[in-house]
Amino acid sequence: MANGNVHSPGHALAVLAETGAAGLMIGRGAIRNPWLFQQIRQLRRGEAVRLPAGRDVLAYIHELWEAQATPDAREPAQVQRLKKFMNFIGEGVIPAEPFLHEIRRVTTRHDFFRACENYLGHDRLMTLEPEETKPAEAVHF
């Protein structure tokens, strides 16, 4: 198994080629881009890689909110919980810095989703790769 901040289907194949590993462990990249596993399979088969649109990412964030919601938790606590995920997801939003700046300051569900809608309420395709993808070393287990 290999890992090393896999952030895209191309990077996944490069890590596999470089390490000779039989598989990958993917963490943050999968939080940012839950389509990543399918994209890797598509690339390995030589198919076109399906990219999500901004609205797809927005729908994913809504699903994530619902999956993480605790019925008796106060709203500010729910918002704080989702902000942890947004640190990973936000790296793939272009431009990342203003989005993350805004999302880190919201305190209500309404403001949280308003910020998300401002940056993701569109039909443009998104790679969800970090703006400045830095070469990462693969770790082979």
Protein backbone atom coordinates (compact mmCIF):
# COMPACT_ATOMS: atom_id res chain seq x y z
CA MET A 1 0.00 0.00 0.00
CA ALA A 2 1.15 3.52 -0.74
CA ASN A 3 -0.02 6.96 0.30
CA GLY A 4 1.27 10.47 0.01
CA ASN A 5 -1.40 13.14 -0.19
CA VAL A 6 -3.06 11.73 -3.31
CA HIS A 7 -5.12 14.60 -4.71
CA SER A 8 -5.99 13.63 -8.28
CA PRO A 9 -6.39 10.57 -10.51
CA GLY A 10 -3.14 11.41 -12.30
CA HIS A 11 -1.26 11.70 -9.03
CA ALA A 12 -2.75 8.37 -7.90
CA LEU A 13 -1.41 6.58 -10.99
CA ALA A 14 1.97 8.29 -10.59
CA VAL A 15 2.23 7.10 -6.97
CA LEU A 16 1.34 3.55 -8.01
CA ALA A 17 3.89 3.61 -10.84
CA GLU A 18 6.61 5.10 -8.64
CA THR A 19 6.14 2.73 -5.73
CA GLY A 20 5.00 -0.46 -7.45
CA ALA A 21 2.35 -0.71 -4.72
CA ALA A 22 -0.77 -2.78 -5.24
CA GLY A 23 -3.06 -0.16 -3.72
CA LEU A 24 -3.46 3.30 -2.25
CA MET A 25 -4.58 4.78 1.04
CA ILE A 26 -6.36 8.05 0.40
CA GLY A 27 -7.56 10.34 3.17
CA ARG A 28 -7.75 14.12 2.69
CA GLY A 29 -8.04 13.77 -1.08
CA ALA A 30 -11.19 11.68 -0.66
CA ILE A 31 -12.72 14.19 1.76
CA ARG A 32 -12.05 16.96 -0.75
CA ASN A 33 -13.17 14.90 -3.73
CA PRO A 34 -15.43 11.90 -3.03
CA TRP A 35 -15.46 11.27 -6.80
CA LEU A 36 -11.71 10.55 -6.68
CA PHE A 37 -12.00 6.76 -6.47
CA GLN A 38 -14.26 6.60 -9.54
CA GLN A 39 -11.97 9.05 -11.35
CA ILE A 40 -8.95 6.83 -10.67
CA ARG A 41 -10.82 3.81 -12.06
CA GLN A 42 -11.86 5.82 -15.13
CA LEU A 43 -8.30 6.95 -15.80
CA ARG A 44 -6.93 3.42 -15.37
CA ARG A 45 -9.45 2.17 -17.94
CA GLY A 46 -8.50 4.97 -20.34
CA GLU A 47 -11.89 6.64 -20.03
CA ALA A 48 -12.62 10.33 -19.74
CA VAL A 49 -12.53 11.41 -16.12
CA ARG A 50 -15.85 12.85 -14.92
CA LEU A 51 -15.39 16.11 -13.05
CA PRO A 52 -18.05 17.41 -10.69
CA ALA A 53 -19.63 20.81 -11.23
CA GLY A 54 -19.77 23.36 -8.45
CA ARG A 55 -23.39 22.40 -7.74
CA ASP A 56 -22.31 18.75 -7.31
CA VAL A 57 -19.79 19.83 -4.68
CA LEU A 58 -22.45 21.97 -3.02
CA ALA A 59 -24.81 18.96 -2.91
CA TYR A 60 -21.97 16.89 -1.37
CA ILE A 61 -21.52 19.52 1.35
CA HIS A 62 -25.26 19.39 2.09
CA GLU A 63 -25.04 15.59 2.36
CA LEU A 64 -21.99 15.91 4.59
CA TRP A 65 -23.89 18.32 6.84
CA GLU A 66 -26.77 15.86 7.17
CA ALA A 67 -24.43 12.90 7.78
CA GLN A 68 -22.58 14.81 10.52
CA ALA A 69 -25.62 16.44 12.11
CA THR A 70 -26.30 15.60 15.73
CA PRO A 71 -29.93 16.29 16.71
CA ASP A 72 -29.15 17.74 20.13
CA ALA A 73 -26.06 19.75 19.12
CA ARG A 74 -26.28 23.52 19.05
CA GLU A 75 -26.05 25.15 15.62
CA PRO A 76 -22.66 26.82 16.25
CA ALA A 77 -21.22 23.42 17.22
CA GLN A 78 -22.55 21.89 14.00
CA VAL A 79 -21.00 24.71 11.98
CA GLN A 80 -17.66 24.21 13.75
CA ARG A 81 -17.76 20.48 13.02
CA LEU A 82 -18.27 21.09 9.30
CA LYS A 83 -15.49 23.66 9.18
CA LYS A 84 -13.01 20.83 9.81
CA PHE A 85 -14.10 19.19 6.56
CA MET A 86 -14.17 22.51 4.75
CA ASN A 87 -10.46 22.98 5.40
CA PHE A 88 -9.88 20.03 3.03
CA ILE A 89 -12.70 20.72 0.58
CA GLY A 90 -11.86 24.42 0.41
CA GLU A 91 -8.37 23.73 -0.89
CA GLY A 92 -9.99 22.56 -4.12
CA VAL A 93 -12.23 25.62 -4.53
CA ILE A 94 -10.84 28.28 -6.85
CA PRO A 95 -10.00 30.77 -5.45
CA ALA A 96 -9.36 28.87 -2.24
CA GLU A 97 -8.09 31.64 0.01
CA PRO A 98 -11.16 33.94 -0.08
CA PHE A 99 -13.50 30.95 0.26
CA LEU A 100 -11.62 29.55 3.25
CA HIS A 101 -11.35 33.02 4.80
CA GLU A 102 -15.12 33.43 4.60
CA ILE A 103 -16.07 29.91 5.66
CA ARG A 104 -13.80 30.03 8.71
CA ARG A 105 -15.69 33.06 10.03
CA VAL A 106 -19.29 31.89 9.71
CA THR A 107 -21.18 30.89 12.85
CA THR A 108 -24.65 29.93 11.58
CA ARG A 109 -25.96 27.28 9.21
CA HIS A 110 -27.47 30.01 7.04
CA ASP A 111 -24.17 31.87 6.69
CA PHE A 112 -22.29 28.60 6.16
CA PHE A 113 -24.44 27.59 3.19
CA ARG A 114 -24.61 31.16 1.86
CA ALA A 115 -20.80 31.17 1.65
CA CYS A 116 -20.80 27.76 0.01
CA GLU A 117 -23.44 28.88 -2.51
CA ASN A 118 -21.42 32.00 -3.35
CA TYR A 119 -18.44 29.90 -4.43
CA LEU A 120 -20.08 26.66 -5.56
CA GLY A 121 -23.48 27.64 -6.95
CA HIS A 122 -22.39 27.18 -10.55
CA ASP A 123 -22.16 24.56 -13.27
CA ARG A 124 -18.43 24.92 -14.05
CA LEU A 125 -16.47 21.70 -13.79
CA MET A 126 -13.98 21.47 -10.94
CA THR A 127 -10.88 19.30 -10.56
CA LEU A 128 -10.93 19.89 -6.79
CA GLU A 129 -7.14 19.82 -6.81
CA PRO A 130 -5.42 22.22 -4.44
CA GLU A 131 -4.54 25.51 -6.13
CA GLU A 132 -0.87 24.98 -5.46
CA THR A 133 -0.29 21.27 -5.67
CA LYS A 134 3.05 20.60 -4.11
CA PRO A 135 4.99 17.45 -4.95
CA ALA A 136 4.44 14.96 -2.15
CA GLU A 137 6.53 11.99 -1.33
CA ALA A 138 4.78 8.67 -1.55
CA VAL A 139 5.06 6.42 1.44
CA HIS A 140 5.18 2.71 0.63
CA PHE A 141 4.12 0.20 3.26
